[in-house]
Amino acid sequence: MNPQYQATVLIVDDEPMNVAILEDLFGRYYRTLSVTRGQEALNMIGREKVDLVLLDIMMPGMSGLQVLEALRQDAVTFDLPVILVSARTEERDIVQGLNIGANDYIVKPFRMAEMLARARTQIAIKQLQDERKRTIDELRELHQVKDHFLRIASHDLKGPLGNLRLALYLLQHQFSGDAESVDLLENANLSINTMQNVIADFLDVATLQNGALNLKMTNLNIADLIDEQVRQYSMFAARKNIVLNVVQSRGTLYADSSRLGQALANLISNAIKYSPRDREVTIWTDDLGNRLRVCVADQGIGIPENERERLFTQFGKLSARPTDGESSTGLGLWITKILINLQNGDVGVHSPPEGGSIFWIEMPVAP
């Protein structure tokens, strides 16, 4: 809270004597405004920043309860603190005022110290709420700036990375007979892949956090999707002499082809990353009736039991590291889980006692 800020109290009462007493009391600590009619109070609140309203119930024309009701129906003044002040002590009036949304109720003749204490409490709560709103607005603005910057930076990086990849492709053909040059170019290509994966992961995070993901659900053949991802990662696997083995792939799913493919690609990519050289990654499907499970098994060291709860969490890195220096942002499995859950599917993992891991995606079959 700003220690220099002076709160404003609006006094609404048709009795001049009451207004004078309250102005004298609250004017010692706060800035005060006063009106004698309900509509005047609403007009004043529309023009001035008010932190607390001391509102008389019994007024000619628009009553205090009607003023309170109007304030609570307006989003701008919905949470403006209002203390009702009235000579009426009937429980029905008090309950009605509190039900409409009054923050407190004081009966005339009021005790000065008590009234001041109650008012201070409501003003302090209001200032805390205002500070919280300002913080939320600032964080929201920073989040939007971050997303905007991330998208611009990522867009500006994609073009140069594509040019670098094309140059590497040409150089690989030109120096195909030079083993040392080939190794250098392969390392450069791996670095480009790493940068593109990082960019893709952070763009996906921004999209998911903003709720801007549009799914295009359709019937799709899981065998075609698996074959497409196996072709995409065959060269990556070949660098480590890893065989991608599709044992069985049958079934038709109801899913978004692009996003399911992305989730499956994350599992296959991870299986290659965390497998030692000269091993095998196996992919198959299990028919579960109205659902189909796609499994991806690797021959890595497996996942320690005490670390499994961190799987599928944002930035959930584990002690196991990629076996050939590949990069990992800790976002891939989290993105996979969100993408699959949005399509009414589920993800999970099984770590057999003999080692390795079996990650699976379970999706509804096509209707």
Protein backbone atom coordinates (compact mmCIF):
# COMPACT_ATOMS: atom_id res chain seq x y z
CA MET A 1 0.00 0.00 0.00
CA ASN A 2 1.11 3.54 -0.70
CA PRO A 3 1.75 5.24 2.66
CA GLN A 4 1.20 8.66 1.04
CA TYR A 5 -2.25 7.74 -0.26
CA GLN A 6 -5.17 9.34 1.59
CA ALA A 7 -8.35 7.31 1.43
CA THR A 8 -11.64 8.99 0.55
CA VAL A 9 -14.82 8.48 2.58
CA LEU A 10 -18.18 9.40 1.06
CA ILE A 11 -20.87 10.38 3.61
CA VAL A 12 -24.45 9.96 2.39
CA ASP A 13 -27.05 11.31 4.83
CA ASP A 14 -29.99 13.70 4.50
CA GLU A 15 -29.51 15.05 8.06
CA PRO A 16 -27.07 18.02 8.02
CA MET A 17 -26.19 17.44 11.69
CA ASN A 18 -25.14 13.83 11.01
CA VAL A 19 -23.08 14.93 8.01
CA ALA A 20 -21.30 17.58 10.09
CA ILE A 21 -20.47 15.10 12.87
CA LEU A 22 -19.15 12.47 10.45
CA GLU A 23 -17.16 15.02 8.44
CA ASP A 24 -15.52 16.24 11.63
CA LEU A 25 -14.67 12.72 12.77
CA PHE A 26 -13.42 11.26 9.49
CA GLY A 27 -11.91 14.51 8.22
CA ARG A 28 -9.13 14.13 10.80
CA TYR A 29 -7.85 10.98 9.06
CA TYR A 30 -9.32 10.84 5.55
CA ARG A 31 -10.47 12.96 2.66
CA THR A 32 -14.24 13.31 2.94
CA LEU A 33 -17.04 13.95 0.47
CA SER A 34 -20.71 14.34 1.38
CA VAL A 35 -24.10 14.31 -0.33
CA THR A 36 -27.69 14.24 0.94
CA ARG A 37 -29.46 12.16 -1.74
CA GLY A 38 -29.08 8.65 -3.12
CA GLN A 39 -28.74 9.64 -6.77
CA GLU A 40 -26.19 12.30 -5.80
CA ALA A 41 -24.17 9.53 -4.16
CA LEU A 42 -24.14 7.44 -7.34
CA ASN A 43 -23.15 10.49 -9.38
CA MET A 44 -20.35 11.32 -6.97
CA ILE A 45 -19.01 7.74 -7.04
CA GLY A 46 -19.03 7.90 -10.83
CA ARG A 47 -16.82 11.03 -10.75
CA GLU A 48 -14.55 10.45 -7.75
CA LYS A 49 -12.39 7.60 -6.48
CA VAL A 50 -14.08 6.53 -3.26
CA ASP A 51 -12.70 3.99 -0.77
CA LEU A 52 -15.63 3.76 1.66
CA VAL A 53 -19.29 4.80 1.67
CA LEU A 54 -21.12 5.61 4.92
CA LEU A 55 -24.69 5.21 3.70
CA ASP A 56 -27.85 6.24 5.54
CA ILE A 57 -30.78 3.93 4.85
CA MET A 58 -33.70 6.31 5.39
CA MET A 59 -33.52 9.08 2.78
CA PRO A 60 -36.21 10.74 0.66
CA GLY A 61 -36.44 9.57 -2.92
CA MET A 62 -33.82 6.88 -3.42
CA SER A 63 -33.26 4.92 -0.22
CA GLY A 64 -29.88 3.74 1.00
CA LEU A 65 -30.77 0.12 0.18
CA GLN A 66 -31.58 1.13 -3.41
CA VAL A 67 -28.25 2.90 -3.68
CA LEU A 68 -26.50 -0.17 -2.33
CA GLU A 69 -28.32 -2.40 -4.80
CA ALA A 70 -27.25 -0.17 -7.70
CA LEU A 71 -23.63 -0.29 -6.54
CA ARG A 72 -23.63 -4.07 -6.32
CA GLN A 73 -25.09 -4.42 -9.82
CA ASP A 74 -22.24 -2.39 -11.34
CA ALA A 75 -18.99 -4.28 -11.99
CA VAL A 76 -16.96 -1.14 -11.25
CA THR A 77 -18.43 -0.66 -7.75
CA PHE A 78 -19.29 -4.28 -7.00
CA ASP A 79 -16.67 -4.53 -4.23
CA LEU A 80 -16.73 -0.92 -2.99
CA PRO A 81 -16.99 -1.07 0.84
CA VAL A 82 -20.33 0.22 2.14
CA ILE A 83 -21.28 0.64 5.81
CA LEU A 84 -25.00 1.15 6.32
CA VAL A 85 -25.95 3.70 8.98
CA SER A 86 -29.51 3.78 10.30
CA ALA A 87 -31.63 4.46 13.34
CA ARG A 88 -33.69 1.37 12.48
CA THR A 89 -32.70 -1.62 14.58
CA GLU A 90 -35.09 -4.22 13.18
CA GLU A 91 -33.29 -7.45 12.33
CA ARG A 92 -35.17 -7.58 8.99
CA ASP A 93 -33.54 -4.32 7.83
CA ILE A 94 -30.09 -5.40 8.92
CA VAL A 95 -30.42 -8.78 7.20
CA GLN A 96 -31.78 -7.18 4.03
CA GLY A 97 -28.86 -4.76 3.88
CA LEU A 98 -26.28 -7.49 4.42
CA ASN A 99 -27.95 -9.73 1.85
CA ILE A 100 -27.78 -6.96 -0.76
CA GLY A 101 -24.07 -6.64 -0.10
CA ALA A 102 -23.36 -4.22 2.73
CA ASN A 103 -19.98 -4.77 4.37
CA ASP A 104 -21.17 -3.63 7.82
CA TYR A 105 -24.15 -2.10 9.62
CA ILE A 106 -24.06 0.59 12.33
CA VAL A 107 -27.10 1.70 14.32
CA LYS A 108 -27.68 5.36 15.28
CA PRO A 109 -26.84 6.95 17.59
CA PHE A 110 -23.38 5.67 16.70
CA ARG A 111 -20.38 5.46 18.97
CA MET A 112 -17.52 7.43 17.43
CA ALA A 113 -14.63 5.12 18.33
CA GLU A 114 -16.50 2.02 17.19
CA MET A 115 -17.54 3.63 13.91
CA LEU A 116 -14.01 4.81 13.19
CA ALA A 117 -12.58 1.35 13.93
CA ARG A 118 -15.07 -0.37 11.64
CA ALA A 119 -14.38 2.13 8.89
CA ARG A 120 -10.62 1.66 9.22
CA THR A 121 -11.03 -2.09 8.83
CA GLN A 122 -13.05 -1.73 5.62
CA ILE A 123 -10.64 0.85 4.16
CA ALA A 124 -7.65 -1.39 4.93
CA ILE A 125 -9.34 -4.34 3.23
CA LYS A 126 -10.19 -2.15 0.22
CA GLN A 127 -6.60 -0.96 -0.11
CA LEU A 128 -5.29 -4.54 0.07
CA GLN A 129 -7.77 -5.58 -2.63
CA ASP A 130 -6.75 -2.64 -4.83
CA GLU A 131 -3.09 -3.56 -4.41
CA ARG A 132 -3.86 -7.16 -5.31
CA LYS A 133 -5.73 -6.05 -8.44
CA ARG A 134 -2.83 -3.82 -9.47
CA THR A 135 -0.40 -6.70 -9.00
CA ILE A 136 -2.60 -9.03 -11.06
CA ASP A 137 -2.92 -6.44 -13.83
CA GLU A 138 0.85 -5.89 -13.86
CA LEU A 139 1.50 -9.63 -14.00
CA ARG A 140 -1.05 -10.06 -16.77
CA GLU A 141 0.56 -7.24 -18.73
CA LEU A 142 4.04 -8.70 -18.21
CA HIS A 143 2.74 -12.11 -19.29
CA GLN A 144 1.31 -10.62 -22.48
CA VAL A 145 4.56 -8.77 -23.19
CA LYS A 146 6.52 -11.98 -22.61
CA ASP A 147 4.30 -13.96 -24.97
CA HIS A 148 4.49 -11.24 -27.60
CA PHE A 149 8.26 -11.04 -27.33
CA LEU A 150 8.56 -14.84 -27.42
CA ARG A 151 6.48 -15.08 -30.58
CA ILE A 152 8.42 -12.32 -32.32
CA ALA A 153 11.78 -13.77 -31.29
CA SER A 154 10.74 -17.28 -32.31
CA HIS A 155 9.42 -16.09 -35.66
CA ASP A 156 12.62 -14.17 -36.33
CA LEU A 157 14.71 -17.23 -35.46
CA LYS A 158 12.84 -19.68 -37.66
CA GLY A 159 13.94 -18.09 -40.92
CA PRO A 160 17.68 -18.00 -40.16
CA LEU A 161 17.55 -21.55 -38.77
CA GLY A 162 15.91 -22.74 -41.96
CA ASN A 163 18.64 -21.07 -44.00
CA LEU A 164 21.32 -22.68 -41.84
CA ARG A 165 19.72 -26.09 -42.29
CA LEU A 166 19.70 -25.64 -46.09
CA ALA A 167 23.36 -24.58 -46.04
CA LEU A 168 24.27 -27.62 -43.94
CA TYR A 169 22.42 -29.89 -46.34
CA LEU A 170 24.46 -28.53 -49.26
CA LEU A 171 27.72 -28.73 -47.33
CA GLN A 172 27.06 -32.32 -46.28
CA HIS A 173 26.86 -33.32 -49.92
CA GLN A 174 29.94 -31.29 -50.84
CA PHE A 175 32.11 -32.76 -48.06
CA SER A 176 30.60 -36.26 -47.96
CA GLY A 177 34.03 -37.84 -48.39
CA ASP A 178 35.67 -35.95 -45.52
CA ALA A 179 34.90 -37.77 -42.24
CA GLU A 180 36.02 -34.89 -40.02
CA SER A 181 33.88 -32.37 -41.90
CA VAL A 182 30.90 -34.72 -41.83
CA ASP A 183 31.17 -35.00 -38.04
CA LEU A 184 31.32 -31.23 -37.66
CA LEU A 185 28.33 -30.73 -39.92
CA GLU A 186 26.32 -33.38 -38.06
CA ASN A 187 27.04 -31.63 -34.77
CA ALA A 188 25.94 -28.33 -36.31
CA ASN A 189 22.75 -29.99 -37.55
CA LEU A 190 22.11 -31.38 -34.06
CA SER A 191 22.48 -27.87 -32.62
CA ILE A 192 19.95 -26.53 -35.11
CA ASN A 193 17.52 -29.32 -34.17
CA THR A 194 17.99 -28.42 -30.51
CA MET A 195 17.22 -24.75 -31.14
CA GLN A 196 14.14 -25.58 -33.19
CA ASN A 197 12.85 -27.95 -30.50
CA VAL A 198 13.33 -25.32 -27.79
CA ILE A 199 11.49 -22.72 -29.89
CA ALA A 200 8.65 -25.15 -30.60
CA ASP A 201 8.32 -26.11 -26.92
CA PHE A 202 8.15 -22.52 -25.69
CA LEU A 203 5.66 -21.55 -28.38
CA ASP A 204 3.49 -24.50 -27.37
CA VAL A 205 3.67 -23.46 -23.72
CA ALA A 206 2.56 -19.92 -24.60
CA THR A 207 -0.32 -21.28 -26.70
CA LEU A 208 -1.49 -23.69 -24.00
CA GLN A 209 -1.25 -21.15 -21.19
CA ASN A 210 -3.28 -18.63 -23.18
CA GLY A 211 -5.96 -21.19 -24.05
CA ALA A 212 -5.48 -20.38 -27.74
CA LEU A 213 -5.20 -23.96 -28.99
CA ASN A 214 -7.73 -24.92 -31.68
CA LEU A 215 -8.28 -28.66 -32.11
CA LYS A 216 -9.53 -30.18 -35.35
CA MET A 217 -10.95 -33.52 -34.30
CA THR A 218 -11.37 -36.17 -36.98
CA ASN A 219 -11.16 -39.92 -37.55
CA LEU A 220 -7.57 -40.96 -38.28
CA ASN A 221 -5.71 -44.19 -38.91
CA ILE A 222 -3.16 -44.74 -36.15
CA ALA A 223 -0.92 -46.84 -38.42
CA ASP A 224 -0.47 -43.91 -40.80
CA LEU A 225 0.33 -41.57 -37.93
CA ILE A 226 2.90 -43.95 -36.44
CA ASP A 227 4.54 -44.53 -39.83
CA GLU A 228 4.80 -40.78 -40.37
CA GLN A 229 6.56 -40.23 -37.02
CA VAL A 230 8.87 -43.23 -37.53
CA ARG A 231 9.97 -41.82 -40.88
CA GLN A 232 10.53 -38.42 -39.33
CA TYR A 233 12.79 -39.78 -36.57
CA SER A 234 14.54 -42.57 -38.49
CA MET A 235 17.61 -40.41 -39.23
CA PHE A 236 17.78 -39.24 -35.61
CA ALA A 237 17.68 -42.86 -34.45
CA ALA A 238 20.23 -43.94 -37.08
CA ARG A 239 22.83 -41.57 -35.60
CA LYS A 240 22.82 -43.76 -32.47
CA ASN A 241 22.28 -46.98 -34.41
CA ILE A 242 18.88 -47.37 -32.76
CA VAL A 243 16.23 -49.42 -34.54
CA LEU A 244 12.66 -48.11 -34.57
CA ASN A 245 10.57 -51.27 -34.52
CA VAL A 246 6.79 -51.08 -35.13
CA VAL A 247 5.34 -54.37 -33.88
CA GLN A 248 1.64 -53.70 -34.32
CA SER A 249 -0.37 -50.63 -35.27
CA ARG A 250 -4.09 -51.01 -35.88
CA GLY A 251 -7.10 -48.87 -35.12
CA THR A 252 -8.90 -45.65 -35.92
CA LEU A 253 -8.88 -42.82 -33.40
CA TYR A 254 -10.94 -39.69 -32.98
CA ALA A 255 -8.33 -37.01 -32.45
CA ASP A 256 -6.52 -33.98 -33.82
CA SER A 257 -4.00 -35.43 -36.26
CA SER A 258 -1.43 -32.66 -35.82
CA ARG A 259 -1.53 -32.54 -32.03
CA LEU A 260 -1.67 -36.30 -31.55
CA GLY A 261 1.25 -36.59 -33.95
CA GLN A 262 3.13 -34.00 -31.90
CA ALA A 263 2.48 -35.93 -28.68
CA LEU A 264 3.57 -39.22 -30.26
CA ALA A 265 6.66 -37.50 -31.67
CA ASN A 266 7.59 -36.36 -28.16
CA LEU A 267 7.46 -39.94 -26.87
CA ILE A 268 9.48 -41.36 -29.78
CA SER A 269 12.02 -38.54 -29.55
CA ASN A 270 12.44 -39.09 -25.79
CA ALA A 271 12.81 -42.84 -26.28
CA ILE A 272 15.69 -42.22 -28.70
CA LYS A 273 17.27 -39.56 -26.49
CA TYR A 274 17.31 -41.71 -23.37
CA SER A 275 18.32 -44.99 -25.04
CA PRO A 276 21.98 -46.02 -25.28
CA ARG A 277 23.48 -46.63 -28.70
CA ASP A 278 22.82 -49.89 -30.55
CA ARG A 279 19.44 -50.52 -28.91
CA GLU A 280 15.83 -50.71 -30.03
CA VAL A 281 12.73 -48.58 -29.58
CA THR A 282 9.51 -50.55 -29.97
CA ILE A 283 6.12 -49.11 -30.85
CA TRP A 284 2.81 -50.95 -30.76
CA THR A 285 -0.91 -50.49 -30.09
CA ASP A 286 -3.25 -52.24 -27.63
CA ASP A 287 -6.98 -52.50 -28.31
CA LEU A 288 -8.85 -51.65 -25.06
CA GLY A 289 -12.37 -51.74 -26.50
CA ASN A 290 -13.62 -48.18 -26.78
CA ARG A 291 -10.09 -46.85 -26.35
CA LEU A 292 -6.77 -47.51 -28.05
CA ARG A 293 -3.37 -47.38 -26.35
CA VAL A 294 -0.20 -46.49 -28.27
CA CYS A 295 2.95 -47.68 -26.48
CA VAL A 296 6.56 -46.57 -26.99
CA ALA A 297 9.18 -48.68 -25.21
CA ASP A 298 12.87 -47.87 -24.84
CA GLN A 299 15.83 -49.78 -23.42
CA GLY A 300 17.20 -47.00 -21.24
CA ILE A 301 17.91 -47.11 -17.51
CA GLY A 302 14.27 -46.58 -16.59
CA ILE A 303 12.75 -44.05 -14.20
CA PRO A 304 13.49 -44.18 -10.45
CA GLU A 305 10.30 -44.69 -8.48
CA ASN A 306 10.88 -41.61 -6.31
CA GLU A 307 11.07 -39.41 -9.43
CA ARG A 308 8.02 -40.63 -11.32
CA GLU A 309 5.69 -38.05 -9.80
CA ARG A 310 7.71 -35.34 -11.57
CA LEU A 311 6.97 -36.85 -14.96
CA PHE A 312 4.46 -34.90 -17.08
CA THR A 313 5.06 -31.74 -15.00
CA GLN A 314 6.27 -28.41 -16.31
CA PHE A 315 10.09 -28.30 -16.33
CA GLY A 316 10.03 -31.71 -14.62
CA LYS A 317 13.61 -32.80 -15.24
CA LEU A 318 14.75 -36.12 -13.74
CA SER A 319 18.16 -37.50 -12.82
CA ALA A 320 18.35 -39.54 -16.06
CA ARG A 321 19.95 -37.56 -18.85
CA PRO A 322 19.96 -38.03 -22.65
CA THR A 323 22.64 -40.59 -23.54
CA ASP A 324 24.32 -38.70 -26.38
CA GLY A 325 24.30 -35.10 -25.19
CA GLU A 326 20.88 -34.27 -26.65
CA SER A 327 19.03 -31.29 -25.16
CA SER A 328 15.93 -31.39 -22.99
CA THR A 329 13.80 -28.45 -21.87
CA GLY A 330 11.75 -30.48 -19.41
CA LEU A 331 8.59 -29.40 -21.24
CA GLY A 332 7.97 -32.19 -23.75
CA LEU A 333 6.08 -34.61 -21.50
CA TRP A 334 4.09 -31.82 -19.88
CA ILE A 335 3.04 -30.56 -23.32
CA THR A 336 2.20 -34.13 -24.33
CA LYS A 337 -0.07 -34.60 -21.31
CA ILE A 338 -1.92 -31.32 -21.91
CA LEU A 339 -2.39 -32.04 -25.62
CA ILE A 340 -3.74 -35.53 -24.96
CA ASN A 341 -5.98 -34.51 -22.04
CA LEU A 342 -7.55 -31.82 -24.26
CA GLN A 343 -8.58 -34.62 -26.63
CA ASN A 344 -10.20 -36.71 -23.87
CA GLY A 345 -7.17 -38.98 -23.74
CA ASP A 346 -4.62 -39.92 -21.12
CA VAL A 347 -0.90 -40.56 -20.87
CA GLY A 348 1.19 -42.68 -18.55
CA VAL A 349 4.34 -44.70 -18.09
CA HIS A 350 5.29 -48.19 -16.95
CA SER A 351 8.81 -48.96 -15.77
CA PRO A 352 9.46 -52.73 -15.85
CA PRO A 353 11.76 -54.20 -13.15
CA GLU A 354 14.23 -55.31 -15.82
CA GLY A 355 14.75 -51.70 -16.93
CA GLY A 356 13.61 -49.42 -19.71
CA SER A 357 10.38 -47.46 -19.86
CA ILE A 358 7.08 -47.88 -21.66
CA PHE A 359 5.31 -44.56 -22.25
CA TRP A 360 1.76 -44.76 -23.55
CA ILE A 361 -0.97 -42.57 -24.98
CA GLU A 362 -4.57 -43.72 -24.61
CA MET A 363 -7.24 -42.21 -26.85
CA PRO A 364 -10.93 -42.82 -27.65
CA VAL A 365 -11.51 -44.88 -30.77
CA ALA A 366 -13.42 -43.29 -33.62
CA PRO A 367 -17.22 -43.34 -33.17
